[in-house]
Amino acid sequence: MAGQAVIQIRNMHKTFPGVHALKGVDLDLYPGEVHALVGENGAGKSTLIKIISGAYTFTEGTYLINGQDAGIKNTIDAIQKGISVIYQELNLVPSLSIAENIFFGRLPSKLGRVLWSEVYAGAQKYLVMVGLSVKSAMKVQYLSVAQQQLVEIAKSLALDSKVIIMDEPTSALSPKEIKSLFEVIVKLKAKGVCIMYVSHKLEEIFELSDRISVFRDGARVGAMLTGETDQQCLIEMMVGRKLSDMFPEHNRIFGDTVLEVTGLTTDKVTDLNFHVKRGEIVGFSGLMGAGRSEMTRGLFGADKRSAGHVFINGKEVEKDSTGAAHAAGMGLVTENRKTEGLLPNLSVKKNISIASLNQFSKLFHIFPRREDTESNTLVDKLRIKTPSVEQLVTKLSGGNQQKVLLSRWLMKENLKLLIIDEPTRGIDVGAKSEIYTLMDMLAKQGLAILMVSSELPEILGMCDRIYVMKNGKITGEFNREEATETVLLEKAIS
């Protein structure tokens, strides 16, 4: 790249007790480029981001900004030197307005009084830039997850940053919102802003980036111009082995109908009719807001059902009761691991066993030895990377956290139907392959699986049948042979 790098990292090391998280990393970030970081969870990307942004100090190495020692001791220093981060996990105050979040800690004022007209007008300008059509006075708590993500981006733009680090920025965005974000990134590039872009979505990497750095086991194992590599090469560098086929072969044998749904209607979905057989993986596709997650909530009894019936093995499940769904043999892995799935202050063991305590307890007394044994068995079976089942679940990578949630329901003795909403969101390519293999194995053992996914290749690669939703209704049903990306998109938008 021509010109001086805005950030230079040389021989960067970072160690924690018992862990060498970064091993001699070199990195240059130039004005006006999109530099992608790819690698499996735990490869060192997040550690490097936290060092650049001042959240961590480094153990050894050199960190320069515009050729001078960065001298960054905390995140405030980094922001003042033109570096901002948009994390995958949102960092907003829900009870405050969008404008207050965008200008948090630096509200324009005069004689001790906040100039609210300037706050709202200034924030509105940045909302326009990211394509978010809402009033800046609206409280963040009333926005969807996708809209909150766009507020985070607007907040970063308002800082006039020279380097913007985007960590999985599209994980909760619709195709239209992703397009708007990409347009913003192109504009930022033209203004000389450097974007460090971290994503597991390789198609985004190839569409957006100018250069790519590949991380594995704490080291940068490759660096190249985007136009001089391909997806297969990146995947092999990331995982350190060949992945001949991301998805397992389809040779599953189906049995009797496990789930039968007729006329399912809630405030969000209308007159849904579908079924899942024993040993079958059935997918639900559609654009964001189509009602897929709301369908799973209505099915599992988390949302009030105004009409319709749900049957498991021919027996009707009581409506509006997650307890009845659980007792009938249903399990639900929710879309949002952080807010709806994990119990962050508890161990891996407690997160796994929480849905099956009745299996190793009596008269409110839990038998810890059996709990330990069954938890360890699932950790081994699913190859969950954790030093112990006593480890806090928040210390695990995204892929391993997802396996913990899967284990929660696999521990359940009478599990008949597993509902998985976005099975690989925010998970690296190696962990994705492992989860696909696990789902295939479970289906071949006779489990009925219903999965919701925003990723069409995932839907097409894993599912035996596919339903498409739009505006809370099913608009199409396809078997594996009929389904293509074009056909599914047509039903999702027409």
Foldseek 3Di string as FASTA:
>chain_A
DDDAFQKWWFQFWADDVVATQAGGATDTFWFLFEEEEAFFPSLNPVVVLCCLQQVDPTDDTAMDGRRHGLPRNHNVSNLVSQEEEQAPDFDADQQAFLLCRLCPPNFDDDPPGGPVVCSQVVLVVLCVLQPNPDGRRHGNNPDDPQSSLSSSVSSSVSSVGQEYEYAASCLPPWPVSVVSVLVSSNVSSVVGRTYYYYDQPVVCCLVGGQKYFYGGSNYGPDIDGSVVDDDQVNVCSRVVHGDPDLFDDPPADWDAWFKWKAQWDAPQAGGDTDTWTWLFEEEEEFTPSLCPLVVVCQQLLVGFTPDIWMGGPRHTFDHNDNVSSLVSQEAEAHPDCPPPQAPQVFFLLCSQAVSPQVVQDDPPRGDVVVSQVLSVVLCVVLVQDDPGSRHGLVVGTPLSSLSSRVSSSVSHPRHAEYEYEASQRPGHSVSSSSVSVVVSVNSNVTHTYYYYHHDVVVNLRRGQKYWYGGRNYTQDIDGNVPDDPVVNVVSRPD
